[in-house]
């Protein structure tokens, strides 16, 4: 098969001509070829040369001229060129062998065949020649084209060896199946199960990177069901695995919170591409296994699962080496507050409750509302409609009160310094109490959110505490 028409671009002719000039076999390979055949956009180009990849990259950089930078990784014989239009990864063809306690291979120079043998999946082992004589010819030793047509993930060689050598490939198989909407071949899937314990030698950062890519897929639940099916989930995220299952007492059962969480994640994925909001949707009920209780009068309860869940988020982020700054704070905030809009949608929507929601959620109130709408997963369409209608009422109230009272991210218009100066106080708990009373009065609608009304209110409540303004 010749695919010259697919790669008839200046960059590929330039690389091929340079390869001919230095007498080296040169091939486009891997994910770029796969995505090219699937008509998926891809900017990052993978090149394999039969020879010294670093020397080839150094010469190619000079050929491409200004605006091209080079990074070299001599240990693995690879180099990366960055151009205005994307990145070009260049590697010398190689064969690899592995030690049992490491996924880092022992590398030797090899042939194109050796290099294709070491690839993780048949659909990633496809190569296209860039040398002029055979420009565009496809080299497909493992039936990758057929697997693309059948939408199948399969290893080129024995899957047990493939996954034992580099256990991260198990995560990659699941990620590709999720991203591409492919299925994993039965033999390959079973091999993941057999080799699941090998995932323990993979760094947390690598695992988190694959989870993030699964989360950013169009239907991320696919990946988490596969992680569960292959036994990887309890090894990498035991807290999420603990959500599985249904318990019944006296004929009363709670829902399967694992399935529910994945449905919420898929619902949210249709509304937002925000990675950390997707994390929040996945983990919003993570505190339920710890807080689950049976009460004869009420049935199954999960009191404070939002509070407990927010603390568990920190543990999960720490374990996976995810960012512990703003992303963590955002996800914790979403998990902690996710019950609040739902409670408002069930009860009479008071101005005071909406003001407090605005104050606590701040600039993240729109994300919170999106999460809560995604949390409606009932099969009872009347119930879903009632929730949706009430959510719209909450949304309108949020907009109206924000325009009227400017509550989002507000600070009491009378600050601690003014309170201390007014009454001749130093730093003490009384100053904090007065500030809190002013804030609560504004949130409860007792006084408007303005300085003069807040100061008059301060004088009134201070009088009750026998505080007299200094002259």
Protein backbone atom coordinates (compact mmCIF):
# COMPACT_ATOMS: atom_id res chain seq x y z
CA UNK A 1 0.00 0.00 0.00
CA UNK A 2 1.33 3.44 -0.93
CA UNK A 3 0.19 6.46 1.09
CA UNK A 4 2.24 9.15 -0.65
CA UNK A 5 -0.94 11.19 -1.19
CA UNK A 6 -1.46 11.24 2.58
CA UNK A 7 1.97 12.71 3.35
CA UNK A 8 2.50 14.97 0.35
CA UNK A 9 3.75 17.84 2.50
CA UNK A 10 6.94 19.88 2.40
CA UNK A 11 8.20 18.71 5.81
CA UNK A 12 8.09 15.01 4.85
CA UNK A 13 9.83 15.60 1.51
CA UNK A 14 12.49 17.69 3.31
CA UNK A 15 13.12 14.92 5.86
CA UNK A 16 13.18 12.24 3.14
CA UNK A 17 15.57 14.22 0.93
CA UNK A 18 17.92 14.80 3.86
CA UNK A 19 17.84 11.06 4.67
CA UNK A 20 18.77 10.25 1.06
CA UNK A 21 21.61 12.76 1.14
CA UNK A 22 23.16 11.10 4.24
CA UNK A 23 22.36 7.57 3.04
CA UNK A 24 19.98 6.56 5.86
CA UNK A 25 16.68 4.70 5.83
CA UNK A 26 13.99 6.96 7.31
CA UNK A 27 10.39 6.22 8.27
CA UNK A 28 7.37 8.01 9.67
CA UNK A 29 6.07 5.75 12.45
CA UNK A 30 3.77 5.31 15.42
CA UNK A 31 0.94 7.53 16.54
CA UNK A 32 1.24 10.01 13.68
CA UNK A 33 0.68 7.23 11.12
CA UNK A 34 -2.21 5.81 13.15
CA UNK A 35 -3.93 9.18 13.43
CA UNK A 36 -3.25 9.92 9.75
CA UNK A 37 -5.12 6.75 8.78
CA UNK A 38 -7.93 7.55 11.21
CA UNK A 39 -8.17 11.12 9.88
CA UNK A 40 -7.42 12.48 13.33
CA UNK A 41 -5.41 15.66 13.63
CA UNK A 42 -1.85 15.26 14.94
CA UNK A 43 0.99 17.80 15.03
CA UNK A 44 3.70 15.69 16.69
CA UNK A 45 5.71 13.68 14.14
CA UNK A 46 7.56 10.45 15.07
CA UNK A 47 10.52 9.49 12.87
CA UNK A 48 12.67 6.35 13.08
CA UNK A 49 15.97 6.11 11.22
CA UNK A 50 18.13 3.02 10.75
CA UNK A 51 21.28 4.54 12.21
CA UNK A 52 22.28 7.29 14.62
CA UNK A 53 19.08 9.16 15.46
CA UNK A 54 20.81 11.97 17.35
CA UNK A 55 23.28 12.70 14.54
CA UNK A 56 20.42 12.64 12.06
CA UNK A 57 18.44 15.12 14.18
CA UNK A 58 21.43 17.45 14.49
CA UNK A 59 21.88 17.49 10.72
CA UNK A 60 18.16 17.92 10.09
CA UNK A 61 18.04 20.92 12.41
CA UNK A 62 20.68 22.64 10.30
CA UNK A 63 18.67 21.74 7.20
CA UNK A 64 15.45 23.19 8.63
CA UNK A 65 17.24 26.40 9.63
CA UNK A 66 16.11 29.20 11.93
CA UNK A 67 13.16 28.71 14.23
CA UNK A 68 14.05 25.06 14.93
CA UNK A 69 15.37 23.99 18.34
CA UNK A 70 16.88 20.66 19.36
CA UNK A 71 16.74 18.64 22.59
CA UNK A 72 18.89 15.49 22.82
CA UNK A 73 18.35 12.40 25.04
CA UNK A 74 21.52 10.41 24.42
CA UNK A 75 20.71 7.60 26.86
CA UNK A 76 17.93 6.40 24.59
CA UNK A 77 19.37 7.69 21.34
CA UNK A 78 16.46 10.06 20.79
CA UNK A 79 16.16 13.73 19.91
CA UNK A 80 13.33 16.23 19.62
CA UNK A 81 13.10 19.05 17.11
CA UNK A 82 10.67 21.88 17.79
CA UNK A 83 9.51 23.85 14.76
CA UNK A 84 6.95 26.58 14.29
CA UNK A 85 4.40 23.96 13.23
CA UNK A 86 4.97 21.26 15.84
CA UNK A 87 7.44 18.73 17.23
CA UNK A 88 9.46 16.05 15.46
CA UNK A 89 10.62 13.12 17.60
CA UNK A 90 13.57 11.26 16.06
CA UNK A 91 14.92 7.92 17.25
CA UNK A 92 17.44 5.46 15.91
CA UNK A 93 15.93 2.04 15.21
CA UNK A 94 16.56 -0.13 18.23
CA UNK A 95 15.92 -3.37 19.98
CA UNK A 96 15.13 -3.44 23.70
CA UNK A 97 15.46 -5.82 26.63
CA UNK A 98 14.13 -5.35 30.15
CA UNK A 99 14.99 -6.14 33.75
CA UNK A 100 12.16 -7.44 35.91
CA UNK A 101 12.29 -4.52 38.36
CA UNK A 102 12.27 -1.68 35.83
CA UNK A 103 10.38 -0.48 32.76
CA UNK A 104 13.53 1.32 31.55
CA UNK A 105 14.92 -0.82 28.72
CA UNK A 106 18.45 -1.83 27.86
CA UNK A 107 18.80 -0.38 24.36
CA UNK A 108 20.83 -1.63 21.38
CA UNK A 109 20.94 -0.49 17.77
CA UNK A 110 18.57 -2.44 15.56
CA UNK A 111 16.69 -2.68 12.29
CA UNK A 112 13.29 -1.26 11.37
CA UNK A 113 11.91 -4.74 12.09
CA UNK A 114 13.45 -4.66 15.58
CA UNK A 115 11.94 -1.23 16.18
CA UNK A 116 8.47 -2.31 15.08
CA UNK A 117 8.72 -5.42 17.28
CA UNK A 118 9.25 -3.25 20.37
CA UNK A 119 6.14 -1.12 19.73
CA UNK A 120 3.24 -1.45 22.17
CA UNK A 121 0.32 -2.11 19.79
CA UNK A 122 -0.11 -3.14 16.17
CA UNK A 123 -1.80 0.17 15.33
CA UNK A 124 1.29 2.00 16.65
CA UNK A 125 3.78 -0.18 14.73
CA UNK A 126 2.75 1.11 11.30
CA UNK A 127 5.57 2.81 9.36
CA UNK A 128 5.69 4.86 6.13
CA UNK A 129 8.93 5.21 4.18
CA UNK A 130 10.14 8.77 3.56
CA UNK A 131 13.10 7.93 1.29
CA UNK A 132 12.41 9.09 -2.26
CA UNK A 133 12.64 5.69 -3.95
CA UNK A 134 9.92 4.19 -1.72
CA UNK A 135 8.22 7.42 -0.57
CA UNK A 136 4.79 6.66 0.93
CA UNK A 137 5.14 2.86 1.08
CA UNK A 138 3.44 1.39 4.18
CA UNK A 139 5.27 -1.25 6.24
CA UNK A 140 2.72 -3.18 8.30
CA UNK A 141 4.20 -6.45 9.64
CA UNK A 142 1.51 -7.12 12.26
CA UNK A 143 -1.78 -6.36 10.52
CA UNK A 144 -2.19 -2.92 12.04
CA UNK A 145 -4.28 -1.69 9.09
CA UNK A 146 -6.75 -4.53 9.64
CA UNK A 147 -6.86 -3.77 13.37
CA UNK A 148 -7.61 -0.11 12.60
CA UNK A 149 -10.50 -1.26 10.43
CA UNK A 150 -11.75 -3.61 13.15
CA UNK A 151 -11.16 -0.93 15.83
CA UNK A 152 -9.02 -3.36 17.81
CA UNK A 153 -6.20 -2.88 20.36
CA UNK A 154 -3.71 -5.77 20.12
CA UNK A 155 -0.03 -6.22 20.95
CA UNK A 156 2.41 -7.09 18.12
CA UNK A 157 4.05 -9.89 20.11
CA UNK A 158 3.12 -11.99 23.16
CA UNK A 159 1.01 -9.63 25.34
CA UNK A 160 2.37 -11.13 28.58
CA UNK A 161 5.91 -10.19 27.54
CA UNK A 162 4.77 -6.79 26.24
CA UNK A 163 3.06 -5.88 29.54
CA UNK A 164 5.60 -7.47 31.84
CA UNK A 165 8.43 -5.61 30.10
CA UNK A 166 6.68 -2.24 30.31
CA UNK A 167 3.59 -2.31 32.56
CA UNK A 168 2.63 1.24 31.59
CA UNK A 169 1.47 -0.29 28.30
CA UNK A 170 -1.48 -1.76 30.21
CA UNK A 171 -2.64 1.76 31.04
CA UNK A 172 -1.94 2.87 27.47
CA UNK A 173 -4.07 0.05 26.05
CA UNK A 174 -7.01 1.21 28.14
CA UNK A 175 -6.35 4.86 27.32
CA UNK A 176 -6.25 4.20 23.57
CA UNK A 177 -9.42 2.10 23.75
CA UNK A 178 -11.12 5.01 25.54
CA UNK A 179 -9.80 7.78 23.29
CA UNK A 180 -10.38 5.97 20.00
CA UNK A 181 -13.55 4.08 20.87
CA UNK A 182 -11.74 0.77 20.16
CA UNK A 183 -12.05 -2.57 21.92
CA UNK A 184 -9.16 -4.49 23.47
CA UNK A 185 -8.59 -7.96 22.02
CA UNK A 186 -9.66 -10.68 24.50
CA UNK A 187 -6.18 -12.24 24.76
CA UNK A 188 -4.65 -8.80 25.34
CA UNK A 189 -7.29 -7.92 27.96
CA UNK A 190 -6.69 -11.14 29.88
CA UNK A 191 -2.93 -10.51 29.78
CA UNK A 192 -3.51 -7.15 31.47
CA UNK A 193 -5.35 -9.00 34.25
CA UNK A 194 -2.51 -11.50 34.61
CA UNK A 195 0.14 -8.77 34.76
CA UNK A 196 -1.80 -6.19 36.77
CA UNK A 197 0.50 -6.37 39.81
CA UNK A 198 3.39 -5.20 37.61
CA UNK A 199 1.80 -1.72 37.57
CA UNK A 200 3.41 -1.19 41.00
CA UNK A 201 6.80 -0.51 39.40
CA UNK A 202 5.40 2.41 37.38
CA UNK A 203 5.81 5.91 38.80
CA UNK A 204 2.71 7.66 40.06
CA UNK A 205 3.31 10.56 37.67
CA UNK A 206 3.13 8.24 34.64
CA UNK A 207 -0.05 6.62 35.91
CA UNK A 208 -1.65 10.01 36.61
CA UNK A 209 -0.78 11.17 33.10
CA UNK A 210 -2.68 8.22 31.60
CA UNK A 211 -5.64 8.78 33.94
CA UNK A 212 -5.77 12.43 32.88
CA UNK A 213 -5.87 11.40 29.23
CA UNK A 214 -8.70 8.97 29.98
CA UNK A 215 -10.57 11.72 31.82
CA UNK A 216 -10.23 14.05 28.83
CA UNK A 217 -11.75 11.48 26.44
CA UNK A 218 -15.22 11.92 24.97
CA UNK A 219 -16.62 9.08 27.12
CA UNK A 220 -14.19 8.66 30.03
CA UNK A 221 -16.28 6.04 31.86
CA UNK A 222 -15.07 3.47 29.30
CA UNK A 223 -11.55 3.71 30.69
CA UNK A 224 -12.56 3.35 34.32
CA UNK A 225 -14.76 0.32 33.59
CA UNK A 226 -11.75 -1.26 31.84
CA UNK A 227 -9.45 -0.39 34.75
CA UNK A 228 -11.94 -2.13 37.01
CA UNK A 229 -12.38 -5.15 34.72
CA UNK A 230 -8.62 -5.73 34.47
CA UNK A 231 -8.01 -5.39 38.21
CA UNK A 232 -5.86 -2.28 37.85
CA UNK A 233 -8.30 0.10 39.54
CA UNK A 234 -7.88 -1.11 43.17
CA UNK A 235 -4.11 -0.97 42.68
CA UNK A 236 -3.98 2.62 41.44
CA UNK A 237 -7.13 4.19 42.97
CA UNK A 238 -8.48 1.98 45.78
CA UNK A 239 -10.77 4.78 47.02
CA UNK A 240 -12.62 4.80 43.69
CA UNK A 241 -12.81 1.00 43.61
CA UNK A 242 -14.39 1.10 47.10
CA UNK A 243 -17.46 2.83 45.61
CA UNK A 244 -18.43 -0.42 43.85
CA UNK A 245 -21.34 -2.58 44.87
CA UNK A 246 -24.83 -2.47 46.32
CA UNK A 247 -25.86 -3.52 49.83
CA UNK A 248 -29.43 -4.40 50.77
CA UNK A 249 -31.03 -4.52 54.23
CA UNK A 250 -34.74 -5.19 54.77
CA UNK A 251 -35.32 -4.91 51.05
CA UNK A 252 -33.81 -1.41 50.89
CA UNK A 253 -30.71 -0.93 48.76
CA UNK A 254 -28.49 2.04 48.00
CA UNK A 255 -27.36 2.73 44.45
CA UNK A 256 -24.02 1.54 43.07
CA UNK A 257 -21.98 4.67 43.67
CA UNK A 258 -19.23 3.56 41.29
CA UNK A 259 -21.63 3.35 38.35
CA UNK A 260 -23.31 6.57 39.46
CA UNK A 261 -19.99 8.43 39.64
CA UNK A 262 -19.04 7.30 36.14
CA UNK A 263 -22.44 8.39 34.81
CA UNK A 264 -21.93 11.82 36.40
CA UNK A 265 -18.46 11.96 34.81
CA UNK A 266 -19.88 11.20 31.36
CA UNK A 267 -22.64 13.76 31.86
CA UNK A 268 -20.08 16.38 32.85
CA UNK A 269 -17.81 15.44 29.92
CA UNK A 270 -20.63 16.43 27.55
CA UNK A 271 -20.73 19.89 29.18
CA UNK A 272 -17.08 20.74 29.87
CA UNK A 273 -13.51 19.93 28.80
CA UNK A 274 -12.11 21.21 32.11
CA UNK A 275 -9.82 18.45 33.43
CA UNK A 276 -10.16 19.39 37.11
CA UNK A 277 -13.94 19.71 36.92
CA UNK A 278 -13.95 16.21 35.42
CA UNK A 279 -11.83 15.06 38.38
CA UNK A 280 -14.40 16.64 40.70
CA UNK A 281 -17.25 14.79 38.99
CA UNK A 282 -15.38 11.49 39.30
CA UNK A 283 -14.65 12.05 43.01
CA UNK A 284 -17.77 13.93 44.14
CA UNK A 285 -19.10 10.91 46.10
CA UNK A 286 -15.71 9.47 47.09
CA UNK A 287 -16.56 9.86 50.79
CA UNK A 288 -19.62 7.59 50.66
CA UNK A 289 -17.97 4.22 51.45
CA UNK A 290 -16.47 5.69 54.65
CA UNK A 291 -19.70 7.39 55.78
CA UNK A 292 -22.24 4.71 54.81
CA UNK A 293 -24.58 3.83 57.67
CA UNK A 294 -27.87 1.93 58.03
CA UNK A 295 -30.56 3.68 60.05
CA UNK A 296 -33.77 1.80 60.68
CA UNK A 297 -35.92 4.89 60.33
CA UNK A 298 -34.19 6.43 57.30
CA UNK A 299 -32.49 3.55 55.53
CA UNK A 300 -29.04 4.10 54.04
CA UNK A 301 -27.35 7.39 54.93
CA UNK A 302 -24.07 9.01 53.95
CA UNK A 303 -23.88 11.88 56.43
CA UNK A 304 -20.99 14.30 55.83
CA UNK A 305 -19.75 12.38 52.78
CA UNK A 306 -19.05 15.76 51.16
CA UNK A 307 -16.76 16.83 54.03
CA UNK A 308 -15.05 13.43 54.26
CA UNK A 309 -14.76 13.29 50.46
CA UNK A 310 -12.97 16.64 50.30
CA UNK A 311 -10.33 15.27 52.69
CA UNK A 312 -9.98 12.06 50.65
CA UNK A 313 -9.37 14.13 47.50
CA UNK A 314 -6.15 15.41 49.06
CA UNK A 315 -5.03 11.85 49.82
CA UNK A 316 -5.75 10.74 46.24
CA UNK A 317 -3.97 13.73 44.71
CA UNK A 318 -0.96 13.18 46.96
CA UNK A 319 -0.80 9.47 46.12
CA UNK A 320 -0.95 10.13 42.35
CA UNK A 321 1.47 13.08 42.53
CA UNK A 322 -1.18 15.37 41.07
CA UNK A 323 -0.81 19.15 41.55
CA UNK A 324 -1.31 20.06 45.21
CA UNK A 325 -1.97 23.76 44.58
CA UNK A 326 -4.94 25.38 42.88
CA UNK A 327 -6.19 22.21 41.07
CA UNK A 328 -6.43 20.38 44.41
CA UNK A 329 -8.19 23.30 46.11
CA UNK A 330 -10.67 23.54 43.24
CA UNK A 331 -11.55 19.82 43.28
CA UNK A 332 -11.87 19.83 47.08
CA UNK A 333 -14.13 22.87 46.89
CA UNK A 334 -16.38 21.22 44.31
CA UNK A 335 -16.63 17.99 46.34
CA UNK A 336 -17.33 19.93 49.56
CA UNK A 337 -20.08 22.09 48.00
CA UNK A 338 -21.67 19.66 45.54
CA UNK A 339 -24.69 18.98 47.80
CA UNK A 340 -25.58 22.64 48.30
CA UNK A 341 -27.28 23.45 44.95
CA UNK A 342 -29.07 20.10 45.05
CA UNK A 343 -30.46 20.93 48.51
CA UNK A 344 -31.61 24.31 47.17
CA UNK A 345 -33.32 22.65 44.23
CA UNK A 346 -35.27 20.38 46.59
CA UNK A 347 -36.30 23.09 49.07
CA UNK A 348 -37.81 26.55 48.84
CA UNK A 349 -35.14 28.75 47.32
CA UNK A 350 -34.49 31.57 49.77
CA UNK A 351 -32.42 34.64 48.98
CA UNK A 352 -30.31 34.01 52.07
CA UNK A 353 -29.36 30.46 51.00
CA UNK A 354 -28.49 31.62 47.49
CA UNK A 355 -26.35 34.48 48.83
CA UNK A 356 -24.42 32.02 51.00
CA UNK A 357 -23.88 29.70 48.04
CA UNK A 358 -22.57 32.63 46.00
CA UNK A 359 -20.26 33.65 48.83
CA UNK A 360 -18.86 30.15 49.40
CA UNK A 361 -18.51 29.18 45.72
CA UNK A 362 -17.21 32.55 44.50
CA UNK A 363 -16.00 32.50 40.90
CA UNK A 364 -16.46 28.73 40.77
CA UNK A 365 -20.26 28.87 41.17
CA UNK A 366 -20.87 28.19 37.45
CA UNK A 367 -18.62 25.11 37.56
CA UNK A 368 -20.43 23.94 40.70
CA UNK A 369 -23.82 24.30 39.03
CA UNK A 370 -22.56 22.35 36.02
CA UNK A 371 -21.34 19.54 38.30
CA UNK A 372 -24.65 19.43 40.15
CA UNK A 373 -26.69 19.28 36.97
CA UNK A 374 -24.50 16.37 35.85
CA UNK A 375 -25.25 14.68 39.19
CA UNK A 376 -28.90 14.12 38.20
CA UNK A 377 -28.84 10.49 37.02
CA UNK A 378 -32.30 9.22 37.97
CA UNK A 379 -34.24 7.05 35.50
CA UNK A 380 -37.43 8.74 36.76
CA UNK A 381 -38.00 11.40 34.10
CA UNK A 382 -40.53 13.29 36.24
CA UNK A 383 -37.93 13.56 38.99
CA UNK A 384 -35.27 14.67 36.50
CA UNK A 385 -37.62 17.36 35.11
CA UNK A 386 -38.45 18.61 38.59
CA UNK A 387 -34.76 18.89 39.44
CA UNK A 388 -34.00 20.60 36.13
CA UNK A 389 -36.81 23.13 36.61
CA UNK A 390 -35.69 23.90 40.17
CA UNK A 391 -32.09 24.24 39.02
CA UNK A 392 -33.19 26.88 36.55
CA UNK A 393 -34.89 28.72 39.41
CA UNK A 394 -31.66 28.55 41.42
CA UNK A 395 -29.70 29.84 38.41
CA UNK A 396 -32.05 32.80 37.98
CA UNK A 397 -31.78 33.61 41.67
CA UNK A 398 -27.99 33.46 41.44
CA UNK A 399 -27.96 35.95 38.58
CA UNK A 400 -30.52 38.28 40.18
CA UNK A 401 -28.81 38.40 43.57
CA UNK A 402 -25.34 38.75 42.08
CA UNK A 403 -26.49 41.76 40.08
CA UNK A 404 -28.29 43.24 43.08
CA UNK A 405 -25.97 42.46 45.99
CA UNK A 406 -22.54 41.80 44.41
CA UNK A 407 -21.98 38.85 46.75
CA UNK A 408 -19.59 36.73 44.67
CA UNK A 409 -16.14 36.90 46.33
CA UNK A 410 -17.25 39.84 48.44
CA UNK A 411 -15.51 40.96 51.64
CA UNK A 412 -17.52 42.79 54.34
CA UNK A 413 -17.42 46.52 53.42
CA UNK A 414 -16.24 47.33 56.95
CA UNK A 415 -12.90 45.61 57.46
CA UNK A 416 -10.97 44.64 60.59
CA UNK A 417 -8.71 47.71 60.51
CA UNK A 418 -11.71 50.07 60.51
CA UNK A 419 -13.31 48.13 63.38
CA UNK A 420 -10.10 48.37 65.46
CA UNK A 421 -9.73 52.09 64.76
CA UNK A 422 -13.41 52.79 65.53
CA UNK A 423 -13.32 51.16 68.97
CA UNK A 424 -9.63 51.43 69.86
CA UNK A 425 -9.16 47.66 69.78
CA UNK A 426 -6.03 45.66 69.12
CA UNK A 427 -6.04 42.35 67.27
CA UNK A 428 -8.50 40.14 69.15
CA UNK A 429 -11.36 37.67 68.65
CA UNK A 430 -13.92 40.47 69.11
CA UNK A 431 -12.85 42.03 65.78
CA UNK A 432 -13.45 38.72 64.01
CA UNK A 433 -16.84 38.29 65.68
CA UNK A 434 -17.98 41.74 64.55
CA UNK A 435 -16.80 41.12 60.98
CA UNK A 436 -18.65 37.79 60.90
CA UNK A 437 -21.87 39.39 62.17
CA UNK A 438 -21.68 42.04 59.46
CA UNK A 439 -21.03 39.38 56.81
CA UNK A 440 -23.94 37.24 58.04
CA UNK A 441 -26.27 40.24 58.11
CA UNK A 442 -25.48 40.96 54.45
CA UNK A 443 -25.84 37.31 53.41
CA UNK A 444 -29.16 37.04 55.28
CA UNK A 445 -30.46 40.19 53.63
CA UNK A 446 -30.76 42.15 56.90
CA UNK A 447 -28.64 44.98 55.48
CA UNK A 448 -27.47 45.84 51.94
CA UNK A 449 -23.91 45.20 50.82
CA UNK A 450 -22.74 48.81 51.22
CA UNK A 451 -20.32 50.58 53.56
CA UNK A 452 -22.69 53.08 55.21
CA UNK A 453 -25.37 50.51 56.09
CA UNK A 454 -22.69 48.08 57.30
CA UNK A 455 -21.06 50.75 59.49
CA UNK A 456 -24.41 51.72 61.05
CA UNK A 457 -25.04 48.04 61.74
CA UNK A 458 -21.57 47.77 63.32
CA UNK A 459 -22.38 50.58 65.75
CA UNK A 460 -25.66 48.88 66.63
CA UNK A 461 -24.18 45.43 67.40
CA UNK A 462 -21.15 46.97 69.14
CA UNK A 463 -23.46 48.80 71.50
CA UNK A 464 -24.95 45.46 72.57
CA UNK A 465 -21.41 44.34 73.46
CA UNK A 466 -20.77 47.54 75.46
CA UNK A 467 -18.27 48.82 72.95
CA UNK A 468 -18.06 52.61 72.60
CA UNK A 469 -16.45 54.37 69.62
CA UNK A 470 -13.30 56.31 70.49
CA UNK A 471 -13.53 60.11 70.18
